[in-house]
Amino acid sequence: MTKETTLAELISGLPPTIDPAKFTADLFRAISRLRRRPLDVYYAGPRSLRVDGVTMMVDLQPKQAVIIHFNGRQVNVQVPL
């Protein structure tokens, strides 16, 4: 099990070419697009998501999204929605 990480910690590790504010806005927009899909998306397991060139795996849950892989490393970031 990985140590719980915050979204701010993940963003601080982004390459300098990526704007943190734009990345955060794009991440929330991408997660909301995933959530618009039918209810069975919650039972399908983690989804691959690419935001501003960064690849991650996101597990959708009814009240939050959990980022479990971020840019090639295992993490545990809970993103309340």
Protein backbone atom coordinates (compact mmCIF):
# COMPACT_ATOMS: atom_id res chain seq x y z
CA MET A 1 0.00 0.00 0.00
CA THR A 2 1.35 3.40 -0.88
CA LYS A 3 1.45 6.40 1.42
CA GLU A 4 -1.39 8.83 0.87
CA THR A 5 -0.25 11.83 -1.10
CA THR A 6 -1.91 15.18 -1.65
CA LEU A 7 -2.69 16.69 -5.02
CA ALA A 8 -0.36 19.60 -4.18
CA GLU A 9 2.55 17.17 -3.68
CA LEU A 10 1.88 15.61 -7.08
CA ILE A 11 1.69 18.97 -8.80
CA SER A 12 4.95 20.11 -7.23
CA GLY A 13 6.68 17.19 -8.96
CA LEU A 14 5.49 18.15 -12.45
CA PRO A 15 8.03 19.10 -15.11
CA PRO A 16 8.68 22.87 -15.23
CA THR A 17 7.10 23.13 -18.68
CA ILE A 18 3.62 22.34 -17.28
CA ASP A 19 1.67 25.18 -15.68
CA PRO A 20 0.32 23.89 -12.31
CA ALA A 21 -2.89 25.95 -12.43
CA LYS A 22 -3.72 24.84 -15.96
CA PHE A 23 -2.89 21.22 -15.09
CA THR A 24 -5.21 21.28 -12.06
CA ALA A 25 -8.07 22.79 -14.07
CA ASP A 26 -7.55 20.29 -16.91
CA LEU A 27 -7.42 17.39 -14.42
CA PHE A 28 -10.75 18.32 -12.83
CA ARG A 29 -12.29 18.83 -16.28
CA ALA A 30 -11.07 15.39 -17.43
CA ILE A 31 -12.37 13.67 -14.28
CA SER A 32 -15.78 15.33 -14.68
CA ARG A 33 -15.93 14.09 -18.30
CA LEU A 34 -15.26 10.54 -17.07
CA ARG A 35 -18.00 10.87 -14.46
CA ARG A 36 -20.61 11.77 -17.11
CA ARG A 37 -20.47 8.24 -18.46
CA PRO A 38 -23.03 5.62 -17.36
CA LEU A 39 -23.08 4.34 -13.78
CA ASP A 40 -21.30 1.08 -14.68
CA VAL A 41 -18.10 3.12 -15.05
CA TYR A 42 -17.72 2.86 -11.26
CA TYR A 43 -17.52 -0.92 -11.46
CA ALA A 44 -15.15 -1.11 -14.41
CA GLY A 45 -12.00 -0.45 -12.39
CA PRO A 46 -9.38 2.25 -12.85
CA ARG A 47 -9.31 4.30 -16.04
CA SER A 48 -6.26 5.59 -17.85
CA LEU A 49 -6.23 9.35 -18.20
CA ARG A 50 -3.77 11.67 -19.93
CA VAL A 51 -3.74 15.33 -18.92
CA ASP A 52 -1.24 17.83 -20.36
CA GLY A 53 1.13 15.01 -21.33
CA VAL A 54 1.02 13.29 -17.92
CA THR A 55 -0.43 9.77 -17.80
CA MET A 56 -2.29 8.52 -14.72
CA MET A 57 -4.73 5.85 -13.61
CA VAL A 58 -7.88 7.13 -11.92
CA ASP A 59 -10.31 5.00 -9.94
CA LEU A 60 -13.75 6.64 -9.89
CA GLN A 61 -15.82 6.31 -6.74
CA PRO A 62 -19.24 7.84 -6.01
CA LYS A 63 -17.92 10.85 -4.02
CA GLN A 64 -14.28 11.03 -5.06
CA ALA A 65 -11.71 10.02 -7.61
CA VAL A 66 -8.53 8.28 -6.49
CA ILE A 67 -5.36 8.66 -8.55
CA ILE A 68 -3.48 5.37 -8.15
CA HIS A 69 -0.69 5.79 -10.73
CA PHE A 70 0.84 9.12 -11.70
CA ASN A 71 3.51 9.53 -14.35
CA GLY A 72 4.89 6.02 -13.89
CA ARG A 73 4.82 5.77 -10.10
CA GLN A 74 2.31 4.34 -7.67
CA VAL A 75 0.49 6.94 -5.57
CA ASN A 76 -2.69 7.29 -3.53
CA VAL A 77 -4.31 10.69 -4.05
CA GLN A 78 -7.93 11.23 -3.14
CA VAL A 79 -9.61 13.97 -5.17
CA PRO A 80 -12.99 14.96 -3.66
CA LEU A 81 -15.62 15.88 -6.21
